[in-house]
Amino acid sequence: MPKLIFTSRYLKDAQPSQKENYVHYIGTRKGVEKIDTSKKHLPATVSQKRLVHQLLQDFPVAKEMLEYEDYNGP
């Protein structure tokens, strides 16, 4: 599952290399919090499951998204 999602209107028409550089900058700048790899594959908490359930009720088409497939697992 992606760990960094951002939208940026001023990068909409940027070259792929510019976008790649920007993502690298965001991920390495001072103050960024990196995920502890030992906690990378922990199961979802009860509150996270509740939120996903509510989102699926509000947006049923989200079940077709790749992020939901990643969340739901194989």
N, C-alpha and C. Protein backbone atom coordinates (compact mmCIF):
# COMPACT_ATOMS: atom_id res chain seq x y z
N MET A 1 0.85 -1.18 0.00
CA MET A 1 0.00 0.00 0.00
C MET A 1 0.89 1.24 0.00
N PRO A 2 0.52 2.26 -0.75
CA PRO A 2 1.32 3.47 -0.77
C PRO A 2 1.38 4.10 0.60
N LYS A 3 2.52 4.60 0.94
CA LYS A 3 2.69 5.26 2.23
C LYS A 3 2.75 6.77 2.08
N LEU A 4 2.81 7.27 0.84
CA LEU A 4 2.85 8.70 0.61
C LEU A 4 1.94 9.02 -0.56
N ILE A 5 0.92 9.81 -0.29
CA ILE A 5 0.00 10.23 -1.33
C ILE A 5 -0.07 11.75 -1.27
N PHE A 6 0.13 12.39 -2.40
CA PHE A 6 0.02 13.85 -2.42
C PHE A 6 -0.58 14.29 -3.74
N THR A 7 -1.22 15.42 -3.70
CA THR A 7 -1.72 16.04 -4.92
C THR A 7 -1.12 17.43 -4.98
N SER A 8 -0.78 17.83 -6.16
CA SER A 8 -0.18 19.14 -6.32
C SER A 8 -0.58 19.71 -7.67
N ARG A 9 -1.34 20.76 -7.64
CA ARG A 9 -1.82 21.35 -8.89
C ARG A 9 -0.69 21.95 -9.72
N TYR A 10 0.32 22.49 -9.06
CA TYR A 10 1.37 23.11 -9.86
C TYR A 10 2.31 22.09 -10.47
N LEU A 11 2.24 20.84 -10.06
CA LEU A 11 3.05 19.80 -10.69
C LEU A 11 2.27 19.00 -11.73
N LYS A 12 1.04 19.39 -11.99
CA LYS A 12 0.17 18.66 -12.90
C LYS A 12 0.84 18.44 -14.27
N ASP A 13 1.46 19.48 -14.81
CA ASP A 13 2.07 19.39 -16.13
C ASP A 13 3.59 19.23 -16.07
N ALA A 14 4.11 18.89 -14.92
CA ALA A 14 5.56 18.76 -14.76
C ALA A 14 6.06 17.48 -15.42
N GLN A 15 7.32 17.48 -15.76
CA GLN A 15 7.97 16.30 -16.32
C GLN A 15 8.03 15.21 -15.25
N PRO A 16 8.00 13.93 -15.65
CA PRO A 16 8.10 12.85 -14.66
C PRO A 16 9.32 12.96 -13.75
N SER A 17 10.44 13.42 -14.31
CA SER A 17 11.65 13.54 -13.47
C SER A 17 11.47 14.61 -12.40
N GLN A 18 10.75 15.69 -12.72
CA GLN A 18 10.49 16.73 -11.72
C GLN A 18 9.61 16.18 -10.59
N LYS A 19 8.61 15.39 -10.96
CA LYS A 19 7.73 14.79 -9.95
C LYS A 19 8.52 13.82 -9.07
N GLU A 20 9.39 13.05 -9.71
CA GLU A 20 10.22 12.10 -8.95
C GLU A 20 11.12 12.84 -7.96
N ASN A 21 11.72 13.93 -8.40
CA ASN A 21 12.58 14.72 -7.52
C ASN A 21 11.79 15.30 -6.36
N TYR A 22 10.56 15.74 -6.62
CA TYR A 22 9.73 16.33 -5.58
C TYR A 22 9.35 15.28 -4.53
N VAL A 23 8.98 14.09 -4.99
CA VAL A 23 8.64 13.01 -4.05
C VAL A 23 9.87 12.64 -3.22
N HIS A 24 11.04 12.58 -3.86
CA HIS A 24 12.27 12.29 -3.12
C HIS A 24 12.52 13.36 -2.06
N TYR A 25 12.32 14.62 -2.42
CA TYR A 25 12.50 15.72 -1.47
C TYR A 25 11.55 15.58 -0.29
N ILE A 26 10.28 15.31 -0.57
CA ILE A 26 9.29 15.18 0.51
C ILE A 26 9.68 14.04 1.46
N GLY A 27 10.13 12.93 0.90
CA GLY A 27 10.46 11.76 1.71
C GLY A 27 11.75 11.86 2.49
N THR A 28 12.62 12.81 2.14
CA THR A 28 13.91 12.88 2.81
C THR A 28 14.14 14.18 3.57
N ARG A 29 13.18 15.08 3.54
CA ARG A 29 13.41 16.36 4.22
C ARG A 29 13.39 16.18 5.74
N LYS A 30 13.93 17.17 6.43
CA LYS A 30 14.01 17.13 7.88
C LYS A 30 12.60 17.10 8.48
N GLY A 31 12.41 16.25 9.46
CA GLY A 31 11.12 16.17 10.14
C GLY A 31 10.19 15.09 9.61
N VAL A 32 10.60 14.42 8.52
CA VAL A 32 9.75 13.37 7.98
C VAL A 32 9.77 12.17 8.93
N GLU A 33 8.63 11.54 9.12
CA GLU A 33 8.53 10.36 9.98
C GLU A 33 8.54 9.12 9.11
N LYS A 34 9.50 8.25 9.33
CA LYS A 34 9.59 7.03 8.54
C LYS A 34 8.94 5.89 9.32
N ILE A 35 8.32 4.99 8.59
CA ILE A 35 7.64 3.85 9.20
C ILE A 35 8.67 2.85 9.73
N ASP A 36 8.47 2.42 10.96
CA ASP A 36 9.30 1.38 11.55
C ASP A 36 9.00 0.09 10.80
N THR A 37 10.00 -0.49 10.16
CA THR A 37 9.77 -1.66 9.32
C THR A 37 9.22 -2.85 10.09
N SER A 38 9.44 -2.91 11.40
CA SER A 38 8.90 -4.02 12.18
C SER A 38 7.38 -3.90 12.33
N LYS A 39 6.84 -2.72 12.09
CA LYS A 39 5.40 -2.50 12.21
C LYS A 39 4.72 -2.37 10.85
N LYS A 40 5.45 -2.67 9.80
CA LYS A 40 4.97 -2.45 8.44
C LYS A 40 3.74 -3.30 8.10
N HIS A 41 3.68 -4.52 8.59
CA HIS A 41 2.61 -5.43 8.20
C HIS A 41 1.66 -5.77 9.36
N LEU A 42 1.52 -4.86 10.30
CA LEU A 42 0.58 -5.09 11.40
C LEU A 42 -0.85 -5.06 10.87
N PRO A 43 -1.75 -5.81 11.49
CA PRO A 43 -3.15 -5.77 11.05
C PRO A 43 -3.78 -4.41 11.37
N ALA A 44 -4.84 -4.10 10.67
CA ALA A 44 -5.55 -2.84 10.89
C ALA A 44 -6.17 -2.83 12.29
N THR A 45 -6.19 -1.65 12.91
CA THR A 45 -6.81 -1.51 14.22
C THR A 45 -8.33 -1.50 14.07
N VAL A 46 -9.03 -1.62 15.18
CA VAL A 46 -10.49 -1.61 15.16
C VAL A 46 -11.00 -0.30 14.57
N SER A 47 -10.41 0.81 14.98
CA SER A 47 -10.87 2.11 14.46
C SER A 47 -10.58 2.25 12.97
N GLN A 48 -9.47 1.71 12.50
CA GLN A 48 -9.16 1.74 11.07
C GLN A 48 -10.16 0.90 10.29
N LYS A 49 -10.51 -0.27 10.82
CA LYS A 49 -11.50 -1.13 10.16
C LYS A 49 -12.85 -0.44 10.11
N ARG A 50 -13.21 0.25 11.20
CA ARG A 50 -14.47 1.00 11.24
C ARG A 50 -14.49 2.08 10.16
N LEU A 51 -13.38 2.79 10.04
CA LEU A 51 -13.27 3.86 9.04
C LEU A 51 -13.39 3.29 7.63
N VAL A 52 -12.71 2.20 7.34
CA VAL A 52 -12.78 1.58 6.02
C VAL A 52 -14.21 1.14 5.73
N HIS A 53 -14.86 0.55 6.71
CA HIS A 53 -16.25 0.11 6.55
C HIS A 53 -17.16 1.30 6.22
N GLN A 54 -16.98 2.40 6.94
CA GLN A 54 -17.79 3.60 6.70
C GLN A 54 -17.51 4.17 5.31
N LEU A 55 -16.25 4.21 4.93
CA LEU A 55 -15.90 4.72 3.60
C LEU A 55 -16.51 3.86 2.49
N LEU A 56 -16.52 2.55 2.70
CA LEU A 56 -17.11 1.66 1.70
C LEU A 56 -18.62 1.83 1.62
N GLN A 57 -19.25 2.16 2.73
CA GLN A 57 -20.68 2.44 2.70
C GLN A 57 -20.95 3.73 1.93
N ASP A 58 -20.10 4.73 2.16
CA ASP A 58 -20.28 6.02 1.49
C ASP A 58 -19.86 5.98 0.03
N PHE A 59 -18.83 5.20 -0.28
CA PHE A 59 -18.28 5.13 -1.63
C PHE A 59 -18.08 3.66 -2.03
N PRO A 60 -19.15 2.95 -2.39
CA PRO A 60 -19.03 1.51 -2.71
C PRO A 60 -18.06 1.21 -3.85
N VAL A 61 -17.90 2.16 -4.76
CA VAL A 61 -16.99 1.94 -5.89
C VAL A 61 -15.53 1.82 -5.42
N ALA A 62 -15.25 2.23 -4.20
CA ALA A 62 -13.88 2.15 -3.67
C ALA A 62 -13.39 0.70 -3.57
N LYS A 63 -14.31 -0.26 -3.56
CA LYS A 63 -13.91 -1.67 -3.52
C LYS A 63 -13.12 -2.07 -4.76
N GLU A 64 -13.24 -1.30 -5.82
CA GLU A 64 -12.53 -1.60 -7.06
C GLU A 64 -11.15 -0.95 -7.12
N MET A 65 -10.82 -0.15 -6.13
CA MET A 65 -9.54 0.56 -6.13
C MET A 65 -8.39 -0.36 -5.72
N LEU A 66 -7.23 -0.11 -6.29
CA LEU A 66 -6.05 -0.92 -5.96
C LEU A 66 -5.68 -0.82 -4.49
N GLU A 67 -5.87 0.36 -3.91
CA GLU A 67 -5.55 0.53 -2.49
C GLU A 67 -6.41 -0.38 -1.62
N TYR A 68 -7.68 -0.56 -1.99
CA TYR A 68 -8.54 -1.46 -1.22
C TYR A 68 -8.08 -2.90 -1.39
N GLU A 69 -7.66 -3.26 -2.59
CA GLU A 69 -7.13 -4.61 -2.81
C GLU A 69 -5.90 -4.85 -1.94
N ASP A 70 -5.03 -3.84 -1.85
CA ASP A 70 -3.85 -3.96 -0.99
C ASP A 70 -4.26 -4.11 0.47
N TYR A 71 -5.24 -3.32 0.90
CA TYR A 71 -5.72 -3.37 2.28
C TYR A 71 -6.35 -4.73 2.58
N ASN A 72 -7.16 -5.20 1.65
CA ASN A 72 -7.92 -6.43 1.84
C ASN A 72 -7.03 -7.67 1.80
N GLY A 73 -5.89 -7.56 1.14
CA GLY A 73 -4.94 -8.67 1.09
C GLY A 73 -5.32 -9.72 0.07
N PRO A 74 -4.44 -10.71 -0.07
CA PRO A 74 -4.67 -11.76 -1.08
C PRO A 74 -5.76 -12.72 -0.66
